[in-house]
Structure formats: C-alpha cells, structure tokens
C-alpha cells in the first residue's frame, strides 16, 4: 500500500485531521495560498519526479478551481490524486471527465488504500468541514460608519459579523456562506463604474487570501481600499500589497483609532488596512 509522500493543500485546511495525519506520517506537506494554483503545483512535481502527489482542497468553493489543473494531469497522464474534503462538491460532473478513478473515503487510512488505483484520481473525503465563524469587529464598523459618507461604497463580506451600526452611502453585504470566491474582485468591479469617491471592502483573512490575486489586476485603481481582519499579523498579505504599490497600514485591534481608519480609507491612493488581534 502506497503512502502519501507529497501533499499540496490550501492554507484554510491547515488544521484538518487529514493534513495533520500526513504531517505526522512524515509526508512533504506544501501549503499554497491560492486554490487555483494547487493542482498545478502538483503537476509540476509529478512531471519532474514521476511520483504520486495528493492535492487537498475544500469540496465547496475551492473545488471549482481544480478543474483546469486536473485537465492537465489527465492529458499528461500524471499521477495526481485530488482529495476534496467535505460533502458540498460543486464540480462532480466536470471532474469525472478528467479523472480515471473516482472514489470516496472517510479517513486517512481509507485514502491510503485508494492510492493503488488508477491516476489521475478524485477522492471525496466525506468529512464535514467545520463551519467558519464570522469575525466580530464592531468597533471597526462603528469607526467606518463615522468615516464613510454618502459618496462612498462599502462591501462587507459574509465572513464578517454584521454590527448594529448605520452606514452612509451604498452598503453591500455580499457572498454566500463559506464561499470565498471573488470578494476583492467585487469591490474592484464596483470601482470601475467610478460613481463614488471611494470603494471600501471589509473581509476576513481567509476571504482575502483566496482572492489575493486581485491586488495585481491591471484595472486596479486608487479608488479602492481593502480592510482585512486577521487573527494575527499576516506579513505575507502586507508584503504582497506593498509589492503592488498599495499604501499599507497595520493596527492591533485594541489600539485601533478612528483617525487611523479615516487616513487609510479616505486616502487618495489605493490602500490596505490590516486589523489583527495578536502580535
């Protein structure tokens, strides 16, 4: 019976039992930020080493991003095992067109037994993924309500707990539960209408990371400001934004002040404000 020796997984699955078991067994576990890149990382390793590689993503939102990579694995006959965690698979039919074997499993041991099958394969790991808790940031939203006026646009993602405050201007509460797709792009798209002086997006860290490629979009402009609420200071996000010429600001949550929010949100440059809880 083969063991998983290389596992590519999306960062949101870091604490899932399957990923932790792979680490405990000594597998080479590689975390990727963008689900759209995960399978391509695997195909690159397979093409170089001709070894079996497993890719682990969420069965809901992230599964939509694996189809093109699995298509490459199929036509190049690469030994990639796509493992989707959960029971909300969006792309069952399409994936069946680009895999040789389709299986279901309940745990790590089941997955190992299946790796003797035909590749590329798809394994549905039918483990219910814990629901994401909405992030509470009432003070931040209160500050935004005083800073933003009738000529501004605010997008509050589904990962943020709605505070009982009254906003001026246009407010959009967007997204589907546990779906990270397109949160940053929504704000960018709205800004292209250029009907308001500032377009602000408020996101959880996971939502931001999933759509982080938007920072480099050719249509990015100075009307946009992104606010990301993180459990801790995420240097990768800050560095990525700075590399894309965003004005960045990081503030520990309990040190947040209204003037700081106003400065970055209403800046004449594109901006990113990170609010984090721990050092």
Foldseek 3Di string as FASTA:
>chain_A
DDAAQEEEEEPVCCPPPLNVVCVVVPHHYHYDLELLCRLVVVVVVCVVPVDAYEYEYAQAASLVNCLVSLQVCQVVVTRYEYEHEADHHDCVVSNVVRFPEEEEAAHNVRVRVCSVDGPPYYYYHHDHDDFQAADEQQVLVQLQQVQDAQQEEEEEEPSHDDHPDDHHHHYHYDDDGPHLPPQQVVQLVVCVVVRGQAGEYEEEPSSCSHPVCVLQDPSDWFRYEYEYEYQADDVVSVVSNVVSVAAEEEDESVRDDSVVCNPFRNPSGYHYYYYHHYD
